[in-house]
């Protein structure tokens, strides 16, 4: 069984927040936050894959929360859920790399599909990051092997030079002591 993705629902209104929790709970681990600062704290404290984010909340705005979440972990997918989308907010969300916009009131099958696509995208990003890290580790170990081999060759050369110098010094001392009457 694969581990459930974690979805954070951020909305100051209890109705939409609890509706989203109920809709997503069968398929995801669902966390909730009632305001922006709380959402940022949750993202800082535990792994979150997808955030469903209301735009208009007291305190930090949805766009400020989106920006903070992306600064903590750019691979978290953020879906803006709002009844107040405007052309400007859509552009701002795109600039801040929001995954998608869902208007309120939301269509449940559409919501589920977008969350599913967002979790899939997050998993792909995490898999790519893991593969890149593994490749970098492999390359580093291979490079260390080459350095180690090169270092061994250098040490062997130094040992040979040392032996030659020792022989030459011994020969020099022997010839000097042979010349002393």
N, C-alpha and C. Protein backbone atom coordinates (compact mmCIF):
# COMPACT_ATOMS: atom_id res chain seq x y z
N UNK A 1 0.85 -1.19 0.00
CA UNK A 1 0.00 0.00 0.00
C UNK A 1 0.89 1.24 0.00
N UNK A 2 0.56 2.19 -0.86
CA UNK A 2 1.36 3.41 -0.92
C UNK A 2 0.88 4.38 0.17
N UNK A 3 1.81 5.21 0.60
CA UNK A 3 1.51 6.18 1.64
C UNK A 3 0.59 7.26 1.08
N UNK A 4 -0.38 7.67 1.89
CA UNK A 4 -1.30 8.72 1.46
C UNK A 4 -0.58 10.06 1.36
N UNK A 5 -0.94 10.82 0.35
CA UNK A 5 -0.43 12.19 0.24
C UNK A 5 -1.11 13.04 1.31
N UNK A 6 -0.42 14.10 1.71
CA UNK A 6 -0.95 15.00 2.73
C UNK A 6 -1.43 16.28 2.07
N UNK A 7 -2.68 16.64 2.36
CA UNK A 7 -3.29 17.85 1.82
C UNK A 7 -3.60 18.78 2.99
N UNK A 8 -3.17 20.01 2.88
CA UNK A 8 -3.46 21.03 3.88
C UNK A 8 -4.55 21.95 3.33
N UNK A 9 -5.66 22.04 4.06
CA UNK A 9 -6.76 22.93 3.68
C UNK A 9 -6.65 24.18 4.53
N UNK A 10 -6.57 25.34 3.85
CA UNK A 10 -6.42 26.62 4.56
C UNK A 10 -7.59 27.51 4.20
N UNK A 11 -8.49 27.71 5.16
CA UNK A 11 -9.66 28.56 4.94
C UNK A 11 -10.17 29.03 6.29
N UNK A 12 -10.45 30.32 6.41
CA UNK A 12 -10.94 30.85 7.69
C UNK A 12 -12.43 30.55 7.89
N UNK A 13 -13.15 30.19 6.85
CA UNK A 13 -14.57 29.88 6.95
C UNK A 13 -14.76 28.39 7.21
N UNK A 14 -15.50 28.08 8.26
CA UNK A 14 -15.66 26.68 8.67
C UNK A 14 -16.38 25.84 7.62
N UNK A 15 -17.37 26.40 6.94
CA UNK A 15 -18.15 25.63 5.95
C UNK A 15 -17.28 25.06 4.84
N UNK A 16 -16.59 25.93 4.07
CA UNK A 16 -15.73 25.41 3.00
C UNK A 16 -14.59 24.53 3.53
N UNK A 17 -14.01 24.91 4.67
CA UNK A 17 -12.89 24.16 5.23
C UNK A 17 -13.32 22.73 5.57
N UNK A 18 -14.45 22.58 6.26
CA UNK A 18 -14.91 21.26 6.65
C UNK A 18 -15.45 20.47 5.46
N UNK A 19 -16.03 21.15 4.48
CA UNK A 19 -16.47 20.46 3.26
C UNK A 19 -15.27 19.86 2.53
N UNK A 20 -14.22 20.66 2.38
CA UNK A 20 -13.01 20.16 1.70
C UNK A 20 -12.41 18.99 2.48
N UNK A 21 -12.38 19.11 3.81
CA UNK A 21 -11.84 18.02 4.63
C UNK A 21 -12.64 16.73 4.39
N UNK A 22 -13.97 16.83 4.41
CA UNK A 22 -14.82 15.65 4.24
C UNK A 22 -14.67 15.04 2.84
N UNK A 23 -14.57 15.87 1.84
CA UNK A 23 -14.43 15.39 0.46
C UNK A 23 -13.10 14.66 0.26
N UNK A 24 -12.03 15.17 0.85
CA UNK A 24 -10.68 14.64 0.60
C UNK A 24 -10.26 13.53 1.57
N UNK A 25 -10.89 13.45 2.74
CA UNK A 25 -10.46 12.52 3.78
C UNK A 25 -10.39 11.06 3.33
N UNK A 26 -11.29 10.56 2.49
CA UNK A 26 -11.17 9.15 2.09
C UNK A 26 -9.89 8.82 1.31
N UNK A 27 -9.31 9.81 0.64
CA UNK A 27 -8.16 9.55 -0.23
C UNK A 27 -6.84 10.14 0.24
N UNK A 28 -6.89 11.07 1.19
CA UNK A 28 -5.69 11.79 1.60
C UNK A 28 -5.65 11.97 3.11
N UNK A 29 -4.45 12.21 3.62
CA UNK A 29 -4.33 12.67 4.99
C UNK A 29 -4.61 14.16 4.92
N UNK A 30 -5.61 14.63 5.63
CA UNK A 30 -6.03 16.03 5.52
C UNK A 30 -5.71 16.77 6.81
N UNK A 31 -5.00 17.88 6.66
CA UNK A 31 -4.71 18.79 7.76
C UNK A 31 -5.49 20.08 7.48
N UNK A 32 -5.80 20.82 8.53
CA UNK A 32 -6.50 22.09 8.32
C UNK A 32 -5.81 23.22 9.06
N UNK A 33 -5.95 24.40 8.50
CA UNK A 33 -5.48 25.63 9.14
C UNK A 33 -6.56 26.68 8.92
N UNK A 34 -6.77 27.50 9.94
CA UNK A 34 -7.84 28.50 9.87
C UNK A 34 -7.35 29.87 9.42
N UNK A 35 -6.03 30.02 9.34
CA UNK A 35 -5.48 31.31 8.87
C UNK A 35 -4.06 31.08 8.35
N UNK A 36 -3.53 32.10 7.68
CA UNK A 36 -2.27 31.99 6.96
C UNK A 36 -1.06 31.64 7.80
N UNK A 37 -0.88 32.31 8.93
CA UNK A 37 0.28 32.04 9.78
C UNK A 37 0.28 30.59 10.26
N UNK A 38 -0.90 30.09 10.60
CA UNK A 38 -1.02 28.70 11.03
C UNK A 38 -0.63 27.75 9.89
N UNK A 39 -1.04 28.08 8.68
CA UNK A 39 -0.70 27.26 7.52
C UNK A 39 0.81 27.22 7.29
N UNK A 40 1.45 28.36 7.38
CA UNK A 40 2.90 28.43 7.22
C UNK A 40 3.58 27.59 8.29
N UNK A 41 3.09 27.68 9.52
CA UNK A 41 3.67 26.89 10.62
C UNK A 41 3.53 25.39 10.34
N UNK A 42 2.37 24.96 9.87
CA UNK A 42 2.16 23.54 9.55
C UNK A 42 3.16 23.09 8.49
N UNK A 43 3.33 23.87 7.44
CA UNK A 43 4.25 23.51 6.35
C UNK A 43 5.69 23.45 6.85
N UNK A 44 6.04 24.31 7.79
CA UNK A 44 7.39 24.29 8.37
C UNK A 44 7.61 23.07 9.26
N UNK A 45 6.55 22.55 9.86
CA UNK A 45 6.67 21.50 10.86
C UNK A 45 6.52 20.08 10.32
N UNK A 46 5.81 19.91 9.21
CA UNK A 46 5.59 18.55 8.71
C UNK A 46 5.45 18.54 7.19
N UNK A 47 5.67 17.35 6.60
CA UNK A 47 5.58 17.25 5.15
C UNK A 47 4.15 17.46 4.65
N UNK A 48 4.01 18.30 3.66
CA UNK A 48 2.73 18.57 3.02
C UNK A 48 2.96 18.46 1.52
N UNK A 49 2.04 17.79 0.83
CA UNK A 49 2.18 17.62 -0.61
C UNK A 49 1.40 18.67 -1.40
N UNK A 50 0.18 18.93 -0.95
CA UNK A 50 -0.71 19.85 -1.66
C UNK A 50 -1.38 20.76 -0.63
N UNK A 51 -1.55 22.02 -1.01
CA UNK A 51 -2.26 22.98 -0.16
C UNK A 51 -3.45 23.51 -0.95
N UNK A 52 -4.63 23.45 -0.33
CA UNK A 52 -5.82 24.11 -0.88
C UNK A 52 -5.96 25.40 -0.09
N UNK A 53 -5.85 26.53 -0.78
CA UNK A 53 -5.66 27.82 -0.12
C UNK A 53 -6.71 28.84 -0.51
N UNK A 54 -7.41 29.35 0.48
CA UNK A 54 -8.36 30.44 0.26
C UNK A 54 -7.56 31.73 0.07
N UNK A 55 -8.06 32.63 -0.76
CA UNK A 55 -7.36 33.89 -1.00
C UNK A 55 -7.61 34.92 0.09
N UNK A 56 -8.86 35.06 0.50
CA UNK A 56 -9.22 36.12 1.45
C UNK A 56 -9.36 35.55 2.85
N UNK A 57 -8.41 35.93 3.68
CA UNK A 57 -8.41 35.51 5.08
C UNK A 57 -7.90 36.67 5.92
N UNK A 58 -8.26 36.68 7.21
CA UNK A 58 -7.67 37.71 8.08
C UNK A 58 -6.17 37.43 8.25
N UNK A 59 -5.41 38.47 8.53
CA UNK A 59 -3.96 38.30 8.67
C UNK A 59 -3.32 38.22 7.30
N UNK A 60 -2.48 37.22 7.11
CA UNK A 60 -1.81 37.06 5.81
C UNK A 60 -2.84 36.75 4.73
N UNK A 61 -2.67 37.38 3.58
CA UNK A 61 -3.55 37.06 2.45
C UNK A 61 -3.14 35.71 1.86
N UNK A 62 -4.03 35.14 1.05
CA UNK A 62 -3.72 33.88 0.39
C UNK A 62 -2.45 33.98 -0.45
N UNK A 63 -2.26 35.10 -1.13
CA UNK A 63 -1.06 35.28 -1.96
C UNK A 63 0.21 35.33 -1.11
N UNK A 64 0.12 35.97 0.05
CA UNK A 64 1.29 36.00 0.95
C UNK A 64 1.60 34.60 1.47
N UNK A 65 0.57 33.85 1.78
CA UNK A 65 0.76 32.47 2.25
C UNK A 65 1.36 31.63 1.13
N UNK A 66 0.84 31.78 -0.08
CA UNK A 66 1.38 31.05 -1.24
C UNK A 66 2.87 31.33 -1.40
N UNK A 67 3.23 32.60 -1.32
CA UNK A 67 4.64 32.97 -1.46
C UNK A 67 5.50 32.36 -0.36
N UNK A 68 5.02 32.38 0.87
CA UNK A 68 5.79 31.81 1.98
C UNK A 68 5.91 30.30 1.85
N UNK A 69 4.84 29.64 1.46
CA UNK A 69 4.89 28.18 1.29
C UNK A 69 5.90 27.81 0.21
N UNK A 70 5.87 28.52 -0.90
CA UNK A 70 6.80 28.22 -2.00
C UNK A 70 8.25 28.53 -1.61
N UNK A 71 8.44 29.49 -0.69
CA UNK A 71 9.81 29.76 -0.25
C UNK A 71 10.30 28.66 0.70
N UNK A 72 9.39 28.01 1.41
CA UNK A 72 9.76 26.90 2.29
C UNK A 72 10.06 25.66 1.47
N UNK A 73 9.17 25.34 0.53
CA UNK A 73 9.34 24.15 -0.32
C UNK A 73 8.67 24.40 -1.67
N UNK A 74 9.46 24.75 -2.68
CA UNK A 74 8.88 25.07 -3.99
C UNK A 74 8.12 23.92 -4.65
N UNK A 75 8.36 22.69 -4.20
CA UNK A 75 7.70 21.57 -4.85
C UNK A 75 6.31 21.29 -4.28
N UNK A 76 5.91 21.96 -3.21
CA UNK A 76 4.54 21.81 -2.70
C UNK A 76 3.60 22.44 -3.73
N UNK A 77 2.58 21.68 -4.10
CA UNK A 77 1.61 22.20 -5.07
C UNK A 77 0.51 22.93 -4.32
N UNK A 78 0.25 24.18 -4.73
CA UNK A 78 -0.76 25.01 -4.08
C UNK A 78 -1.90 25.27 -5.05
N UNK A 79 -3.09 24.93 -4.62
CA UNK A 79 -4.30 25.15 -5.41
C UNK A 79 -5.08 26.25 -4.70
N UNK A 80 -5.36 27.32 -5.41
CA UNK A 80 -6.11 28.43 -4.84
C UNK A 80 -7.60 28.14 -5.01
N UNK A 81 -8.33 28.16 -3.90
CA UNK A 81 -9.77 27.93 -3.90
C UNK A 81 -10.41 29.23 -3.42
N UNK A 82 -11.12 29.90 -4.33
CA UNK A 82 -11.63 31.22 -3.95
C UNK A 82 -12.90 31.59 -4.71
N UNK A 83 -13.67 32.42 -4.07
CA UNK A 83 -14.84 33.01 -4.72
C UNK A 83 -14.52 34.40 -5.23
N UNK A 84 -13.26 34.82 -5.10
CA UNK A 84 -12.86 36.18 -5.42
C UNK A 84 -11.75 36.26 -6.45
N UNK A 85 -11.67 35.30 -7.32
CA UNK A 85 -10.59 35.33 -8.31
C UNK A 85 -10.80 36.48 -9.29
N UNK A 86 -9.74 37.21 -9.53
CA UNK A 86 -9.76 38.27 -10.53
C UNK A 86 -8.60 38.00 -11.48
N UNK A 87 -8.58 38.72 -12.56
CA UNK A 87 -7.49 38.57 -13.53
C UNK A 87 -6.15 38.82 -12.85
N UNK A 88 -6.09 39.83 -11.99
CA UNK A 88 -4.85 40.18 -11.30
C UNK A 88 -4.41 39.07 -10.35
N UNK A 89 -5.37 38.51 -9.59
CA UNK A 89 -4.98 37.45 -8.66
C UNK A 89 -4.55 36.18 -9.39
N UNK A 90 -5.18 35.90 -10.52
CA UNK A 90 -4.77 34.74 -11.31
C UNK A 90 -3.34 34.93 -11.81
N UNK A 91 -3.04 36.12 -12.32
CA UNK A 91 -1.68 36.41 -12.79
C UNK A 91 -0.67 36.32 -11.65
N UNK A 92 -1.03 36.88 -10.50
CA UNK A 92 -0.14 36.83 -9.33
C UNK A 92 0.08 35.38 -8.90
N UNK A 93 -0.98 34.59 -8.90
CA UNK A 93 -0.85 33.18 -8.55
C UNK A 93 0.05 32.42 -9.51
N UNK A 94 -0.10 32.72 -10.80
CA UNK A 94 0.77 32.08 -11.79
C UNK A 94 2.23 32.48 -11.58
N UNK A 95 2.45 33.74 -11.28
CA UNK A 95 3.80 34.21 -11.02
C UNK A 95 4.42 33.49 -9.82
N UNK A 96 3.58 33.19 -8.84
CA UNK A 96 4.05 32.50 -7.63
C UNK A 96 3.95 30.98 -7.75
N UNK A 97 3.62 30.51 -8.93
CA UNK A 97 3.57 29.07 -9.26
C UNK A 97 2.44 28.31 -8.56
N UNK A 98 1.26 28.93 -8.50
CA UNK A 98 0.10 28.18 -8.03
C UNK A 98 -0.18 27.07 -9.05
N UNK A 99 -0.60 25.92 -8.58
CA UNK A 99 -0.85 24.79 -9.47
C UNK A 99 -2.12 25.03 -10.28
N UNK A 100 -3.17 25.54 -9.62
CA UNK A 100 -4.45 25.76 -10.30
C UNK A 100 -5.33 26.64 -9.44
N UNK A 101 -6.46 27.07 -10.03
CA UNK A 101 -7.48 27.84 -9.34
C UNK A 101 -8.78 27.04 -9.38
N UNK A 102 -9.48 27.00 -8.26
CA UNK A 102 -10.80 26.39 -8.21
C UNK A 102 -11.76 27.44 -7.67
N UNK A 103 -12.79 27.77 -8.43
CA UNK A 103 -13.74 28.78 -7.94
C UNK A 103 -14.70 28.19 -6.90
N UNK A 104 -15.12 29.03 -5.96
CA UNK A 104 -16.18 28.66 -5.02
C UNK A 104 -17.49 29.15 -5.62
N UNK A 105 -18.55 28.43 -5.51
CA UNK A 105 -18.65 27.07 -4.97
C UNK A 105 -17.98 26.09 -5.95
N UNK A 106 -17.34 25.06 -5.40
CA UNK A 106 -16.56 24.16 -6.24
C UNK A 106 -17.36 22.92 -6.66
N UNK A 107 -16.97 22.41 -7.79
CA UNK A 107 -17.52 21.18 -8.33
C UNK A 107 -16.69 20.03 -7.75
N UNK A 108 -17.32 19.11 -7.03
CA UNK A 108 -16.58 18.08 -6.30
C UNK A 108 -15.75 17.17 -7.21
N UNK A 109 -16.30 16.62 -8.30
CA UNK A 109 -15.45 15.79 -9.16
C UNK A 109 -14.26 16.57 -9.74
N UNK A 110 -14.50 17.83 -10.10
CA UNK A 110 -13.43 18.68 -10.64
C UNK A 110 -12.36 18.91 -9.56
N UNK A 111 -12.79 19.19 -8.34
CA UNK A 111 -11.87 19.39 -7.22
C UNK A 111 -11.02 18.14 -7.00
N UNK A 112 -11.67 16.98 -6.95
CA UNK A 112 -10.93 15.73 -6.75
C UNK A 112 -9.91 15.50 -7.85
N UNK A 113 -10.28 15.78 -9.09
CA UNK A 113 -9.37 15.58 -10.22
C UNK A 113 -8.16 16.52 -10.12
N UNK A 114 -8.38 17.76 -9.78
CA UNK A 114 -7.27 18.71 -9.67
C UNK A 114 -6.34 18.32 -8.52
N UNK A 115 -6.88 17.91 -7.39
CA UNK A 115 -6.04 17.49 -6.26
C UNK A 115 -5.24 16.24 -6.66
N UNK A 116 -5.89 15.33 -7.36
CA UNK A 116 -5.19 14.12 -7.82
C UNK A 116 -4.03 14.49 -8.75
N UNK A 117 -4.26 15.40 -9.69
CA UNK A 117 -3.19 15.83 -10.60
C UNK A 117 -2.07 16.52 -9.84
N UNK A 118 -2.43 17.31 -8.84
CA UNK A 118 -1.41 18.02 -8.04
C UNK A 118 -0.56 17.03 -7.25
N UNK A 119 -1.20 16.02 -6.64
CA UNK A 119 -0.42 15.03 -5.88
C UNK A 119 0.48 14.22 -6.81
N UNK A 120 -0.02 13.92 -8.00
CA UNK A 120 0.80 13.20 -8.99
C UNK A 120 2.00 14.04 -9.39
N UNK A 121 1.77 15.32 -9.65
CA UNK A 121 2.87 16.22 -10.02
C UNK A 121 3.91 16.30 -8.91
N UNK A 122 3.45 16.39 -7.68
CA UNK A 122 4.36 16.46 -6.52
C UNK A 122 5.20 15.17 -6.45
N UNK A 123 4.55 14.01 -6.63
CA UNK A 123 5.27 12.74 -6.59
C UNK A 123 6.32 12.65 -7.69
N UNK A 124 5.98 13.14 -8.88
CA UNK A 124 6.94 13.15 -10.00
C UNK A 124 8.13 14.03 -9.65
N UNK A 125 7.87 15.21 -9.10
CA UNK A 125 8.97 16.12 -8.70
C UNK A 125 9.85 15.48 -7.64
N UNK A 126 9.23 14.84 -6.66
CA UNK A 126 10.02 14.20 -5.61
C UNK A 126 10.84 13.04 -6.16
N UNK A 127 10.28 12.27 -7.09
CA UNK A 127 11.01 11.16 -7.69
C UNK A 127 12.20 11.67 -8.49
N UNK A 128 11.98 12.74 -9.26
CA UNK A 128 13.08 13.33 -10.03
C UNK A 128 14.19 13.83 -9.11
N UNK A 129 13.80 14.49 -8.02
CA UNK A 129 14.80 15.00 -7.07
C UNK A 129 15.58 13.84 -6.46
N UNK A 130 14.89 12.76 -6.14
CA UNK A 130 15.56 11.59 -5.58
C UNK A 130 16.53 10.99 -6.59
N UNK A 131 16.10 10.87 -7.84
CA UNK A 131 16.97 10.31 -8.88
C UNK A 131 18.19 11.20 -9.11
N UNK A 132 17.99 12.51 -9.10
CA UNK A 132 19.11 13.43 -9.28
C UNK A 132 20.10 13.31 -8.13
N UNK A 133 19.60 13.21 -6.91
CA UNK A 133 20.48 13.07 -5.74
C UNK A 133 21.25 11.76 -5.82
N UNK A 134 20.58 10.69 -6.22
CA UNK A 134 21.25 9.40 -6.35
C UNK A 134 22.34 9.46 -7.42
N UNK A 135 22.05 10.13 -8.54
CA UNK A 135 23.03 10.26 -9.62
C UNK A 135 24.23 11.09 -9.16
N UNK A 136 23.97 12.18 -8.43
CA UNK A 136 25.06 13.00 -7.92
C UNK A 136 25.92 12.21 -6.95
N UNK A 137 25.30 11.41 -6.10
CA UNK A 137 26.05 10.58 -5.17
C UNK A 137 26.90 9.56 -5.93
N UNK A 138 26.30 8.93 -6.94
CA UNK A 138 27.03 7.96 -7.77
C UNK A 138 28.23 8.62 -8.44
N UNK A 139 28.00 9.81 -9.02
CA UNK A 139 29.08 10.55 -9.68
C UNK A 139 30.18 10.92 -8.69
N UNK A 140 29.79 11.35 -7.49
CA UNK A 140 30.75 11.72 -6.48
C UNK A 140 31.60 10.51 -6.05
N UNK A 141 30.93 9.38 -5.83
CA UNK A 141 31.66 8.18 -5.44
C UNK A 141 32.60 7.72 -6.55
N UNK A 142 32.14 7.84 -7.78
CA UNK A 142 32.99 7.47 -8.92
C UNK A 142 34.20 8.41 -8.99
N UNK A 143 33.97 9.69 -8.79
CA UNK A 143 35.04 10.68 -8.81
C UNK A 143 36.03 10.41 -7.67
N UNK A 144 35.49 10.07 -6.51
CA UNK A 144 36.36 9.75 -5.38
C UNK A 144 37.20 8.52 -5.67
N UNK A 145 36.61 7.56 -6.38
CA UNK A 145 37.36 6.37 -6.77
C UNK A 145 38.51 6.72 -7.70
N UNK A 146 38.27 7.63 -8.64
CA UNK A 146 39.32 8.08 -9.55
C UNK A 146 40.39 8.83 -8.77
N UNK A 147 39.96 9.72 -7.88
CA UNK A 147 40.92 10.48 -7.06
C UNK A 147 41.72 9.52 -6.20
N UNK A 148 41.03 8.56 -5.62
CA UNK A 148 41.71 7.58 -4.77
C UNK A 148 42.74 6.80 -5.58
N UNK A 149 42.36 6.39 -6.78
CA UNK A 149 43.29 5.65 -7.64
C UNK A 149 44.47 6.54 -8.01
N UNK A 150 44.19 7.79 -8.36
CA UNK A 150 45.24 8.73 -8.71
C UNK A 150 46.14 8.99 -7.51
N UNK A 151 45.55 9.11 -6.34
CA UNK A 151 46.32 9.33 -5.12
C UNK A 151 47.20 8.13 -4.82
N UNK A 152 46.67 6.93 -5.03
CA UNK A 152 47.48 5.72 -4.81
C UNK A 152 48.68 5.70 -5.75
N UNK A 153 48.46 6.09 -7.00
CA UNK A 153 49.57 6.11 -7.96
C UNK A 153 50.60 7.15 -7.53
N UNK A 154 50.14 8.29 -7.06
CA UNK A 154 51.06 9.33 -6.60
C UNK A 154 51.86 8.85 -5.39
N UNK A 155 51.20 8.17 -4.48
CA UNK A 155 51.89 7.65 -3.30
C UNK A 155 52.92 6.59 -3.68
N UNK A 156 52.59 5.75 -4.67
CA UNK A 156 53.55 4.75 -5.13
C UNK A 156 54.76 5.43 -5.75
N UNK A 157 54.53 6.46 -6.53
CA UNK A 157 55.63 7.21 -7.14
C UNK A 157 56.48 7.85 -6.06
N UNK A 158 55.84 8.45 -5.04
CA UNK A 158 56.59 9.04 -3.94
C UNK A 158 57.40 7.99 -3.19
N UNK A 159 56.85 6.82 -3.01
CA UNK A 159 57.58 5.74 -2.34
C UNK A 159 58.81 5.34 -3.15
N UNK A 160 58.66 5.27 -4.47
CA UNK A 160 59.79 4.92 -5.34
C UNK A 160 60.86 6.01 -5.29
N UNK A 161 60.43 7.26 -5.34
CA UNK A 161 61.37 8.38 -5.27
C UNK A 161 62.09 8.35 -3.93
N UNK A 162 61.33 8.09 -2.85
CA UNK A 162 61.91 8.02 -1.52
C UNK A 162 62.96 6.91 -1.44
N UNK A 163 62.65 5.77 -2.00
CA UNK A 163 63.61 4.65 -1.99
C UNK A 163 64.86 5.01 -2.80
N UNK A 164 64.67 5.64 -3.94
CA UNK A 164 65.81 6.06 -4.77
C UNK A 164 66.67 7.06 -4.02
N UNK A 165 66.05 8.05 -3.38
CA UNK A 165 66.80 9.05 -2.62
C UNK A 165 67.54 8.40 -1.45
N UNK A 166 66.87 7.46 -0.79
CA UNK A 166 67.52 6.77 0.32
C UNK A 166 68.75 6.00 -0.17
N UNK A 167 68.61 5.31 -1.30
CA UNK A 167 69.75 4.56 -1.86
C UNK A 167 70.87 5.52 -2.23
N UNK A 168 70.51 6.60 -2.90
CA UNK A 168 71.52 7.58 -3.30
C UNK A 168 72.22 8.19 -2.09
N UNK A 169 71.44 8.49 -1.05
CA UNK A 169 72.02 9.07 0.17
C UNK A 169 72.92 8.05 0.84
N UNK A 170 72.46 6.81 0.91
CA UNK A 170 73.29 5.75 1.51
C UNK A 170 74.57 5.57 0.71
N UNK A 171 74.48 5.54 -0.61
CA UNK A 171 75.66 5.42 -1.47
C UNK A 171 76.60 6.60 -1.26
N UNK A 172 76.03 7.78 -1.15
CA UNK A 172 76.84 8.98 -0.94
C UNK A 172 77.56 8.90 0.39
N UNK A 173 76.84 8.49 1.44
CA UNK A 173 77.47 8.35 2.75
C UNK A 173 78.57 7.27 2.73
N UNK A 174 78.27 6.17 2.07
CA UNK A 174 79.26 5.09 1.99
C UNK A 174 80.50 5.53 1.22
N UNK A 175 80.31 6.26 0.15
CA UNK A 175 81.47 6.71 -0.63
C UNK A 175 82.25 7.77 0.15
N UNK A 176 81.56 8.60 0.92
CA UNK A 176 82.23 9.63 1.72
C UNK A 176 83.03 8.99 2.84
N UNK A 177 82.48 7.99 3.49
CA UNK A 177 83.18 7.35 4.59
C UNK A 177 84.34 6.50 4.06
N UNK A 178 84.24 6.02 2.84
CA UNK A 178 85.33 5.23 2.25
C UNK A 178 86.51 6.13 1.92
N UNK A 179 86.27 7.41 1.63
CA UNK A 179 87.32 8.33 1.26
C UNK A 179 88.06 8.88 2.48
N UNK A 180 87.44 8.83 3.65
CA UNK A 180 88.09 9.38 4.85
C UNK A 180 89.19 8.42 5.29
N UNK A 181 90.48 8.95 5.46
CA UNK A 181 91.60 8.06 5.81
C UNK A 181 91.61 7.63 7.25
